[in-house]
Protein backbone atom coordinates (compact mmCIF):
# COMPACT_ATOMS: atom_id res chain seq x y z
CA MET A 1 3.22 16.52 4.03
CA GLN A 2 0.15 16.24 6.26
CA VAL A 3 -3.10 15.78 4.37
CA GLY A 4 -6.55 14.90 5.68
CA VAL A 5 -6.02 13.47 9.16
CA PRO A 6 -3.57 15.64 11.14
CA ASP A 7 -2.65 13.07 13.80
CA ILE A 8 -1.54 10.44 11.27
CA LEU A 9 2.14 10.29 10.40
CA VAL A 10 3.02 8.51 7.15
CA ARG A 11 6.63 7.41 6.96
CA ARG A 12 8.86 4.75 5.45
CA ALA A 13 8.53 1.43 7.18
CA ARG A 14 11.41 0.20 9.30
CA LYS A 15 12.38 -3.37 10.01
CA ASP A 16 11.06 -3.05 13.57
CA ASP A 17 7.59 -2.30 12.10
CA LEU A 18 7.41 -5.78 10.56
CA PRO A 19 5.54 -7.55 13.39
CA ALA A 20 2.76 -4.93 13.26
CA LEU A 21 2.62 -5.05 9.45
CA VAL A 22 2.48 -8.83 9.37
CA ALA A 23 -0.33 -8.76 11.94
CA ILE A 24 -2.34 -6.37 9.73
CA PHE A 25 -1.91 -8.60 6.67
CA ALA A 26 -2.59 -11.81 8.61
CA ALA A 27 -5.86 -10.35 9.93
CA ASP A 28 -7.12 -9.78 6.36
CA ALA A 29 -9.63 -12.55 5.78
CA LEU A 30 -10.58 -11.31 2.29
CA GLY A 31 -7.10 -10.99 0.81
CA GLY A 32 -6.34 -14.67 0.54
CA HIS A 33 -2.59 -14.06 0.50
CA GLY A 34 -1.78 -16.66 3.12
CA ASP A 35 -0.20 -14.18 5.52
CA THR A 36 0.44 -15.45 9.01
CA THR A 37 1.93 -14.37 12.31
CA ASP A 38 3.52 -17.82 12.70
CA PRO A 39 7.10 -17.14 13.83
CA GLU A 40 8.41 -19.73 11.35
CA ALA A 41 7.20 -17.51 8.48
CA PHE A 42 8.82 -14.31 9.75
CA ALA A 43 12.02 -14.86 7.75
CA ASP A 44 9.94 -14.63 4.55
CA TYR A 45 8.75 -11.16 5.55
CA VAL A 46 12.27 -10.06 6.48
CA ARG A 47 13.53 -11.24 3.09
CA ALA A 48 10.79 -9.30 1.27
CA PHE A 49 11.37 -6.19 3.39
CA THR A 50 15.09 -6.30 2.62
CA ALA A 51 14.40 -6.50 -1.14
CA ILE A 52 11.89 -3.63 -1.01
CA GLU A 53 14.21 -1.49 1.09
CA ALA A 54 17.10 -2.04 -1.36
CA SER A 55 15.05 -1.04 -4.42
CA PRO A 56 15.26 2.56 -5.65
CA ASN A 57 11.77 2.24 -7.16
CA GLN A 58 9.85 0.58 -4.32
CA THR A 59 8.90 2.01 -0.95
CA LEU A 60 6.99 0.45 1.92
CA TYR A 61 5.17 2.96 4.12
CA ILE A 62 3.31 2.83 7.38
CA ALA A 63 0.67 5.11 8.84
CA GLU A 64 1.27 5.74 12.50
CA ARG A 65 -1.03 7.20 15.14
CA GLY A 66 0.17 7.71 18.67
CA GLY A 67 3.25 5.58 18.02
CA GLU A 68 1.18 2.60 16.75
CA VAL A 69 1.16 1.22 13.21
CA VAL A 70 -2.42 1.65 11.99
CA GLY A 71 -1.99 1.18 8.25
CA THR A 72 0.39 0.42 5.42
CA PHE A 73 0.88 0.63 1.68
CA GLN A 74 3.64 0.12 -0.83
CA THR A 75 4.53 2.13 -3.92
CA MET A 76 6.42 1.16 -7.05
CA LEU A 77 7.55 3.59 -9.70
CA THR A 78 7.64 2.05 -13.14
CA THR A 79 8.67 3.58 -16.44
CA THR A 80 7.49 2.26 -19.80
CA LEU A 81 7.99 3.25 -23.40
CA THR A 82 4.26 3.86 -23.73
CA GLY A 83 3.09 7.35 -22.92
CA ARG A 84 6.32 8.69 -24.42
CA GLY A 85 8.46 7.05 -21.78
CA SER A 86 6.46 8.27 -18.81
CA SER A 87 6.36 6.86 -15.31
CA ALA A 88 3.46 5.58 -13.26
CA MET A 89 3.25 5.09 -9.53
CA ILE A 90 1.64 1.78 -8.59
CA ILE A 91 0.05 1.67 -5.14
CA GLU A 92 -0.13 -1.81 -3.64
CA ALA A 93 -1.02 -3.62 -0.42
CA VAL A 94 -3.13 -0.81 1.05
CA GLN A 95 -4.34 -1.94 4.46
CA THR A 96 -5.76 -0.14 7.46
CA ARG A 97 -5.86 -1.99 10.74
CA SER A 98 -9.40 -3.36 11.06
CA ASP A 99 -10.15 -1.53 14.32
CA MET A 100 -9.07 1.79 12.78
CA ARG A 101 -11.12 1.77 9.56
CA GLY A 102 -13.47 4.63 8.79
CA GLN A 103 -11.23 7.24 10.43
CA GLY A 104 -9.61 8.73 7.32
CA ILE A 105 -6.38 6.75 7.60
CA GLY A 106 -6.74 5.09 4.18
CA ALA A 107 -7.46 8.45 2.54
CA ARG A 108 -4.42 9.94 4.25
CA MET A 109 -2.21 7.13 2.93
CA ILE A 110 -3.52 7.44 -0.63
CA GLU A 111 -3.18 11.23 -0.61
CA PHE A 112 0.41 10.79 0.58
CA ALA A 113 1.11 8.30 -2.23
CA ILE A 114 -0.35 10.69 -4.81
CA ALA A 115 1.85 13.52 -3.53
CA GLU A 116 4.90 11.22 -3.73
CA ALA A 117 3.98 10.30 -7.32
CA LYS A 118 3.70 13.95 -8.30
CA GLY A 119 7.02 14.67 -6.62
CA ARG A 120 8.70 11.91 -8.63
CA GLY A 121 7.23 13.10 -11.93
CA ALA A 122 4.78 10.27 -12.49
CA ARG A 123 2.03 10.88 -15.06
CA LEU A 124 -0.49 8.78 -13.14
CA VAL A 125 -1.10 6.63 -10.12
CA GLN A 126 -2.77 3.27 -10.42
CA LEU A 127 -3.77 0.43 -8.19
CA THR A 128 -5.61 -2.84 -8.29
CA SER A 129 -8.19 -4.00 -5.82
CA ASN A 130 -9.50 -7.50 -5.24
CA ALA A 131 -12.76 -7.89 -7.15
CA ILE A 132 -14.62 -8.91 -3.96
CA ARG A 133 -13.67 -5.74 -2.07
CA LYS A 134 -16.70 -3.63 -3.01
CA ASP A 135 -16.21 -1.22 -0.08
CA ALA A 136 -12.63 -0.60 -1.20
CA HIS A 137 -13.82 0.10 -4.75
CA ARG A 138 -16.24 2.74 -3.49
CA PHE A 139 -13.45 4.20 -1.33
CA TYR A 140 -11.05 4.52 -4.27
CA GLU A 141 -13.74 6.02 -6.49
CA ARG A 142 -14.53 8.62 -3.79
CA LEU A 143 -10.85 9.58 -3.91
CA GLY A 144 -11.02 10.13 -7.68
CA PHE A 145 -9.87 6.80 -9.09
CA LYS A 146 -11.71 5.48 -12.13
CA PRO A 147 -12.11 1.80 -12.95
CA SER A 148 -10.42 1.72 -16.35
CA HIS A 149 -8.79 -1.67 -16.88
CA LEU A 150 -9.51 -5.31 -16.25
CA GLY A 151 -6.69 -7.10 -14.42
CA PHE A 152 -5.54 -10.68 -14.73
CA LYS A 153 -3.38 -12.85 -12.49
CA MET A 154 -1.78 -16.24 -12.72
CA ALA A 155 -0.54 -17.98 -9.60
CA LEU A 156 2.85 -19.60 -10.13
CA LYS A 157 3.11 -21.60 -6.91
């Protein structure tokens, strides 16, 4: 499905996309996730990719333009007893390469994720965004998302 930006291909990530994905995450100064392009850390990314790839309810995607990885996001389908046993699609780790922002790539990725959620019968899509990412909040609201919940986290390491 092509939505929004016609020259952007959204597809499942492959293992050979990992260096480009890691570079996108490592360049994110606001995220605070500790991502790095240090070769000694690469095995951690391979391990995570393998787990995501093996899961029937998680998918890692990339946005590609001209053969280059320009963005990424991950989806997780979760089913709960609330909402009469309905499913929700969680969108996570949305990143557009810093030199490609403002070109509709993020909107294309989110529209793709919404279409995937509808195709899998989800009743809603949801995402969280770091509280300091005010531009991202405006972006998600422009796409129709409403701030409805307050999130909490607890670091375990």
